[in-house]
Amino acid sequence: MEHLLGASLPVFLGLTVVVFGGFGVLTGQTLAEGWKPASAAVAYSLLLGLGDRFLAWGLFGEPLLSVWGFLVHTAVIGAITLTAHRIAIARRMVNQYPWLYERAGPFAWRERAGGDLGE
């Protein structure tokens, strides 16, 4: 399991999921507030993945140049970041244009019935 994760399970859960996952949530929300595309969230996730690998190595002695570990950790951070970005974009669309859109779940919005301004 450690070979697959590139780190021990406690380091993966604590550092990657909790700490850098929290950074990913904040990053996704911030990018959505500025109407940045999802590709920006992917780019920032790569940077967060690099930081995660460095701190796993520096604080816990995990391998620094573990390619598989970097890919797994970055994928988890990226998934968290993209999820937070999509939720924030959906929330922003509904809050900013309440006469046009309504919520259609946590990730989506839909046109409000009768939302056409010509009616």
N, C-alpha and C. Protein backbone atom coordinates (compact mmCIF):
# COMPACT_ATOMS: atom_id res chain seq x y z
N MET A 1 0.82 -1.20 0.00
CA MET A 1 0.00 0.00 0.00
C MET A 1 0.87 1.26 0.00
N GLU A 2 1.95 1.23 0.76
CA GLU A 2 2.82 2.40 0.82
C GLU A 2 3.50 2.65 -0.53
N HIS A 3 3.80 1.59 -1.26
CA HIS A 3 4.41 1.77 -2.58
C HIS A 3 3.43 2.43 -3.55
N LEU A 4 2.16 2.05 -3.45
CA LEU A 4 1.13 2.64 -4.30
C LEU A 4 0.90 4.11 -3.96
N LEU A 5 0.86 4.43 -2.67
CA LEU A 5 0.61 5.80 -2.24
C LEU A 5 1.85 6.68 -2.32
N GLY A 6 3.02 6.09 -2.27
CA GLY A 6 4.25 6.88 -2.26
C GLY A 6 4.54 7.45 -0.89
N ALA A 7 3.79 7.05 0.11
CA ALA A 7 3.97 7.51 1.49
C ALA A 7 3.19 6.54 2.39
N SER A 8 3.44 6.65 3.68
CA SER A 8 2.67 5.82 4.61
C SER A 8 1.23 6.32 4.66
N LEU A 9 0.33 5.46 5.08
CA LEU A 9 -1.09 5.80 5.11
C LEU A 9 -1.38 7.02 6.01
N PRO A 10 -0.81 7.10 7.23
CA PRO A 10 -1.07 8.30 8.05
C PRO A 10 -0.58 9.60 7.40
N VAL A 11 0.57 9.54 6.74
CA VAL A 11 1.08 10.73 6.06
C VAL A 11 0.17 11.09 4.89
N PHE A 12 -0.27 10.09 4.14
CA PHE A 12 -1.17 10.34 3.02
C PHE A 12 -2.47 10.97 3.50
N LEU A 13 -3.08 10.38 4.52
CA LEU A 13 -4.36 10.90 5.01
C LEU A 13 -4.20 12.26 5.66
N GLY A 14 -3.19 12.40 6.51
CA GLY A 14 -3.02 13.66 7.23
C GLY A 14 -2.53 14.80 6.37
N LEU A 15 -1.44 14.57 5.66
CA LEU A 15 -0.83 15.65 4.88
C LEU A 15 -1.55 15.88 3.56
N THR A 16 -1.75 14.82 2.81
CA THR A 16 -2.32 14.99 1.47
C THR A 16 -3.82 15.29 1.52
N VAL A 17 -4.58 14.43 2.19
CA VAL A 17 -6.03 14.58 2.16
C VAL A 17 -6.49 15.76 3.02
N VAL A 18 -6.01 15.85 4.25
CA VAL A 18 -6.51 16.89 5.16
C VAL A 18 -5.87 18.24 4.86
N VAL A 19 -4.54 18.32 4.92
CA VAL A 19 -3.87 19.62 4.78
C VAL A 19 -3.94 20.12 3.33
N PHE A 20 -3.38 19.35 2.41
CA PHE A 20 -3.36 19.81 1.03
C PHE A 20 -4.74 19.70 0.37
N GLY A 21 -5.58 18.82 0.85
CA GLY A 21 -6.97 18.81 0.39
C GLY A 21 -7.67 20.09 0.80
N GLY A 22 -7.40 20.57 2.02
CA GLY A 22 -7.94 21.86 2.46
C GLY A 22 -7.42 23.00 1.61
N PHE A 23 -6.13 22.96 1.28
CA PHE A 23 -5.58 23.96 0.37
C PHE A 23 -6.27 23.89 -0.99
N GLY A 24 -6.57 22.68 -1.43
CA GLY A 24 -7.25 22.50 -2.70
C GLY A 24 -8.66 23.08 -2.68
N VAL A 25 -9.36 22.90 -1.57
CA VAL A 25 -10.70 23.47 -1.44
C VAL A 25 -10.63 24.99 -1.54
N LEU A 26 -9.70 25.58 -0.79
CA LEU A 26 -9.55 27.04 -0.82
C LEU A 26 -9.12 27.53 -2.20
N THR A 27 -8.24 26.78 -2.85
CA THR A 27 -7.79 27.16 -4.19
C THR A 27 -8.94 27.10 -5.18
N GLY A 28 -9.71 26.02 -5.16
CA GLY A 28 -10.85 25.88 -6.07
C GLY A 28 -11.88 26.98 -5.87
N GLN A 29 -12.17 27.30 -4.62
CA GLN A 29 -13.14 28.36 -4.34
C GLN A 29 -12.63 29.72 -4.80
N THR A 30 -11.36 29.99 -4.56
CA THR A 30 -10.78 31.27 -4.96
C THR A 30 -10.76 31.43 -6.47
N LEU A 31 -10.39 30.37 -7.18
CA LEU A 31 -10.39 30.44 -8.64
C LEU A 31 -11.80 30.63 -9.19
N ALA A 32 -12.77 29.99 -8.57
CA ALA A 32 -14.16 30.14 -9.02
C ALA A 32 -14.66 31.56 -8.77
N GLU A 33 -14.26 32.16 -7.68
CA GLU A 33 -14.68 33.53 -7.38
C GLU A 33 -14.16 34.50 -8.44
N GLY A 34 -13.02 34.19 -9.05
CA GLY A 34 -12.47 35.02 -10.11
C GLY A 34 -12.86 34.56 -11.50
N TRP A 35 -13.80 33.63 -11.61
CA TRP A 35 -14.28 33.08 -12.87
C TRP A 35 -13.17 32.43 -13.68
N LYS A 36 -12.17 31.88 -13.02
CA LYS A 36 -11.09 31.19 -13.72
C LYS A 36 -11.58 29.82 -14.18
N PRO A 37 -11.05 29.32 -15.31
CA PRO A 37 -11.50 28.02 -15.82
C PRO A 37 -10.95 26.86 -15.00
N ALA A 38 -11.52 25.70 -15.22
CA ALA A 38 -11.08 24.50 -14.50
C ALA A 38 -9.63 24.15 -14.82
N SER A 39 -9.14 24.55 -15.98
CA SER A 39 -7.74 24.27 -16.32
C SER A 39 -6.79 24.99 -15.37
N ALA A 40 -7.18 26.13 -14.85
CA ALA A 40 -6.36 26.82 -13.86
C ALA A 40 -6.31 26.00 -12.57
N ALA A 41 -7.42 25.37 -12.21
CA ALA A 41 -7.44 24.52 -11.01
C ALA A 41 -6.51 23.33 -11.19
N VAL A 42 -6.43 22.79 -12.41
CA VAL A 42 -5.52 21.67 -12.68
C VAL A 42 -4.08 22.13 -12.52
N ALA A 43 -3.75 23.31 -13.05
CA ALA A 43 -2.38 23.83 -12.94
C ALA A 43 -1.99 24.05 -11.48
N TYR A 44 -2.88 24.64 -10.71
CA TYR A 44 -2.58 24.86 -9.30
C TYR A 44 -2.50 23.55 -8.53
N SER A 45 -3.26 22.55 -8.95
CA SER A 45 -3.17 21.23 -8.30
C SER A 45 -1.80 20.61 -8.50
N LEU A 46 -1.21 20.82 -9.67
CA LEU A 46 0.16 20.33 -9.89
C LEU A 46 1.14 20.99 -8.94
N LEU A 47 0.98 22.28 -8.72
CA LEU A 47 1.86 22.97 -7.77
C LEU A 47 1.63 22.49 -6.35
N LEU A 48 0.38 22.27 -5.99
CA LEU A 48 0.09 21.72 -4.66
C LEU A 48 0.67 20.32 -4.51
N GLY A 49 0.64 19.54 -5.57
CA GLY A 49 1.24 18.21 -5.54
C GLY A 49 2.74 18.26 -5.29
N LEU A 50 3.41 19.22 -5.91
CA LEU A 50 4.84 19.39 -5.66
C LEU A 50 5.12 19.77 -4.21
N GLY A 51 4.32 20.67 -3.68
CA GLY A 51 4.47 21.05 -2.28
C GLY A 51 4.21 19.89 -1.34
N ASP A 52 3.22 19.09 -1.67
CA ASP A 52 2.90 17.91 -0.86
C ASP A 52 4.07 16.93 -0.83
N ARG A 53 4.64 16.66 -2.00
CA ARG A 53 5.79 15.73 -2.05
C ARG A 53 6.95 16.27 -1.24
N PHE A 54 7.21 17.58 -1.36
CA PHE A 54 8.34 18.18 -0.64
C PHE A 54 8.13 18.08 0.87
N LEU A 55 6.94 18.40 1.35
CA LEU A 55 6.70 18.33 2.80
C LEU A 55 6.66 16.89 3.30
N ALA A 56 6.17 15.96 2.50
CA ALA A 56 6.19 14.55 2.90
C ALA A 56 7.64 14.09 3.06
N TRP A 57 8.50 14.55 2.18
CA TRP A 57 9.93 14.22 2.27
C TRP A 57 10.59 14.95 3.44
N GLY A 58 10.37 16.25 3.53
CA GLY A 58 11.04 17.06 4.54
C GLY A 58 10.60 16.78 5.96
N LEU A 59 9.34 16.52 6.16
CA LEU A 59 8.82 16.33 7.51
C LEU A 59 8.78 14.87 7.95
N PHE A 60 8.54 13.97 7.01
CA PHE A 60 8.30 12.58 7.39
C PHE A 60 9.26 11.59 6.76
N GLY A 61 10.21 12.06 5.97
CA GLY A 61 11.21 11.18 5.39
C GLY A 61 10.70 10.27 4.30
N GLU A 62 9.62 10.64 3.68
CA GLU A 62 9.09 9.85 2.56
C GLU A 62 9.96 10.12 1.32
N PRO A 63 9.96 9.24 0.33
CA PRO A 63 10.78 9.46 -0.86
C PRO A 63 10.36 10.72 -1.62
N LEU A 64 11.34 11.55 -1.93
CA LEU A 64 11.05 12.81 -2.62
C LEU A 64 10.71 12.59 -4.08
N LEU A 65 11.45 11.75 -4.75
CA LEU A 65 11.29 11.57 -6.19
C LEU A 65 10.47 10.33 -6.54
N SER A 66 9.42 10.10 -5.82
CA SER A 66 8.51 9.00 -6.10
C SER A 66 7.50 9.47 -7.15
N VAL A 67 7.71 9.04 -8.38
CA VAL A 67 6.82 9.47 -9.47
C VAL A 67 5.40 8.98 -9.22
N TRP A 68 5.28 7.70 -8.85
CA TRP A 68 3.96 7.14 -8.59
C TRP A 68 3.28 7.87 -7.43
N GLY A 69 4.04 8.15 -6.38
CA GLY A 69 3.50 8.89 -5.24
C GLY A 69 3.03 10.28 -5.65
N PHE A 70 3.84 10.97 -6.46
CA PHE A 70 3.45 12.29 -6.94
C PHE A 70 2.15 12.23 -7.74
N LEU A 71 2.04 11.24 -8.61
CA LEU A 71 0.83 11.13 -9.44
C LEU A 71 -0.41 10.85 -8.59
N VAL A 72 -0.29 9.94 -7.63
CA VAL A 72 -1.44 9.60 -6.79
C VAL A 72 -1.84 10.79 -5.92
N HIS A 73 -0.87 11.41 -5.27
CA HIS A 73 -1.15 12.54 -4.38
C HIS A 73 -1.73 13.71 -5.17
N THR A 74 -1.15 13.99 -6.33
CA THR A 74 -1.64 15.10 -7.15
C THR A 74 -3.03 14.80 -7.69
N ALA A 75 -3.31 13.57 -8.04
CA ALA A 75 -4.65 13.21 -8.51
C ALA A 75 -5.68 13.42 -7.42
N VAL A 76 -5.36 13.05 -6.19
CA VAL A 76 -6.30 13.25 -5.08
C VAL A 76 -6.50 14.74 -4.82
N ILE A 77 -5.41 15.49 -4.78
CA ILE A 77 -5.51 16.93 -4.57
C ILE A 77 -6.27 17.58 -5.72
N GLY A 78 -6.00 17.14 -6.94
CA GLY A 78 -6.70 17.69 -8.11
C GLY A 78 -8.19 17.40 -8.08
N ALA A 79 -8.56 16.21 -7.66
CA ALA A 79 -9.98 15.87 -7.58
C ALA A 79 -10.69 16.75 -6.55
N ILE A 80 -10.03 16.98 -5.43
CA ILE A 80 -10.62 17.84 -4.40
C ILE A 80 -10.73 19.27 -4.91
N THR A 81 -9.68 19.75 -5.56
CA THR A 81 -9.68 21.12 -6.08
C THR A 81 -10.74 21.32 -7.14
N LEU A 82 -10.84 20.40 -8.09
CA LEU A 82 -11.84 20.51 -9.15
C LEU A 82 -13.27 20.40 -8.61
N THR A 83 -13.47 19.56 -7.61
CA THR A 83 -14.79 19.44 -6.99
C THR A 83 -15.18 20.75 -6.32
N ALA A 84 -14.26 21.33 -5.55
CA ALA A 84 -14.54 22.61 -4.88
C ALA A 84 -14.77 23.71 -5.90
N HIS A 85 -14.03 23.70 -6.99
CA HIS A 85 -14.20 24.70 -8.04
C HIS A 85 -15.59 24.60 -8.67
N ARG A 86 -16.01 23.40 -8.99
CA ARG A 86 -17.32 23.21 -9.62
C ARG A 86 -18.46 23.60 -8.68
N ILE A 87 -18.36 23.22 -7.42
CA ILE A 87 -19.40 23.59 -6.45
C ILE A 87 -19.48 25.11 -6.31
N ALA A 88 -18.31 25.77 -6.27
CA ALA A 88 -18.30 27.22 -6.12
C ALA A 88 -18.83 27.92 -7.36
N ILE A 89 -18.52 27.39 -8.55
CA ILE A 89 -19.05 27.98 -9.78
C ILE A 89 -20.58 27.84 -9.82
N ALA A 90 -21.09 26.68 -9.45
CA ALA A 90 -22.55 26.48 -9.43
C ALA A 90 -23.21 27.43 -8.43
N ARG A 91 -22.61 27.56 -7.26
CA ARG A 91 -23.16 28.47 -6.25
C ARG A 91 -23.11 29.92 -6.76
N ARG A 92 -22.02 30.27 -7.41
CA ARG A 92 -21.87 31.65 -7.91
C ARG A 92 -22.88 31.95 -9.02
N MET A 93 -23.10 31.01 -9.91
CA MET A 93 -24.06 31.23 -11.00
C MET A 93 -25.46 31.47 -10.44
N VAL A 94 -25.85 30.67 -9.47
CA VAL A 94 -27.19 30.80 -8.91
C VAL A 94 -27.32 32.07 -8.08
N ASN A 95 -26.28 32.43 -7.33
CA ASN A 95 -26.35 33.63 -6.51
C ASN A 95 -26.25 34.91 -7.33
N GLN A 96 -25.45 34.89 -8.38
CA GLN A 96 -25.25 36.10 -9.17
C GLN A 96 -26.39 36.33 -10.17
N TYR A 97 -27.00 35.26 -10.64
CA TYR A 97 -28.07 35.39 -11.63
C TYR A 97 -29.32 34.63 -11.15
N PRO A 98 -29.91 35.05 -10.03
CA PRO A 98 -31.03 34.29 -9.47
C PRO A 98 -32.29 34.35 -10.34
N TRP A 99 -32.43 35.35 -11.18
CA TRP A 99 -33.59 35.44 -12.06
C TRP A 99 -33.48 34.51 -13.27
N LEU A 100 -32.25 34.02 -13.55
CA LEU A 100 -32.06 33.14 -14.69
C LEU A 100 -31.89 31.67 -14.31
N TYR A 101 -31.22 31.42 -13.18
CA TYR A 101 -30.82 30.05 -12.85
C TYR A 101 -31.27 29.65 -11.46
N GLU A 102 -31.45 28.34 -11.31
CA GLU A 102 -31.73 27.76 -10.00
C GLU A 102 -30.85 26.52 -9.83
N ARG A 103 -30.67 26.11 -8.59
CA ARG A 103 -29.82 24.96 -8.31
C ARG A 103 -30.40 23.69 -8.90
N ALA A 104 -29.49 22.85 -9.39
CA ALA A 104 -29.87 21.53 -9.89
C ALA A 104 -28.89 20.52 -9.29
N GLY A 105 -28.73 20.55 -7.98
CA GLY A 105 -27.77 19.71 -7.29
C GLY A 105 -26.54 20.51 -6.91
N PRO A 106 -25.60 19.89 -6.24
CA PRO A 106 -24.44 20.63 -5.76
C PRO A 106 -23.48 21.07 -6.87
N PHE A 107 -23.49 20.40 -8.02
CA PHE A 107 -22.54 20.70 -9.07
C PHE A 107 -23.12 21.42 -10.27
N ALA A 108 -24.42 21.65 -10.31
CA ALA A 108 -25.02 22.16 -11.53
C ALA A 108 -26.10 23.19 -11.23
N TRP A 109 -26.53 23.86 -12.28
CA TRP A 109 -27.62 24.80 -12.24
C TRP A 109 -28.43 24.59 -13.52
N ARG A 110 -29.64 25.08 -13.50
CA ARG A 110 -30.49 24.97 -14.69
C ARG A 110 -31.24 26.29 -14.85
N GLU A 111 -31.75 26.48 -16.06
CA GLU A 111 -32.54 27.68 -16.32
C GLU A 111 -33.81 27.64 -15.49
N ARG A 112 -34.11 28.76 -14.92
CA ARG A 112 -35.34 28.87 -14.14
C ARG A 112 -36.54 28.86 -15.08
N ALA A 113 -37.57 28.17 -14.71
CA ALA A 113 -38.78 28.12 -15.52
C ALA A 113 -39.36 29.53 -15.61
N GLY A 114 -39.62 29.99 -16.84
CA GLY A 114 -40.11 31.34 -17.02
C GLY A 114 -39.02 32.38 -16.83
N GLY A 115 -37.75 31.96 -16.93
CA GLY A 115 -36.63 32.88 -16.72
C GLY A 115 -36.33 33.75 -17.91
N ASP A 116 -37.06 33.56 -19.02
CA ASP A 116 -36.82 34.38 -20.20
C ASP A 116 -37.29 35.80 -19.91
N LEU A 117 -36.44 36.77 -20.18
CA LEU A 117 -36.80 38.15 -19.90
C LEU A 117 -37.86 38.69 -20.84
N GLY A 118 -38.09 38.02 -21.96
CA GLY A 118 -39.11 38.48 -22.91
C GLY A 118 -40.52 38.10 -22.52
N GLU A 119 -40.68 37.28 -21.51
CA GLU A 119 -42.03 36.83 -21.12
C GLU A 119 -42.71 37.82 -20.21
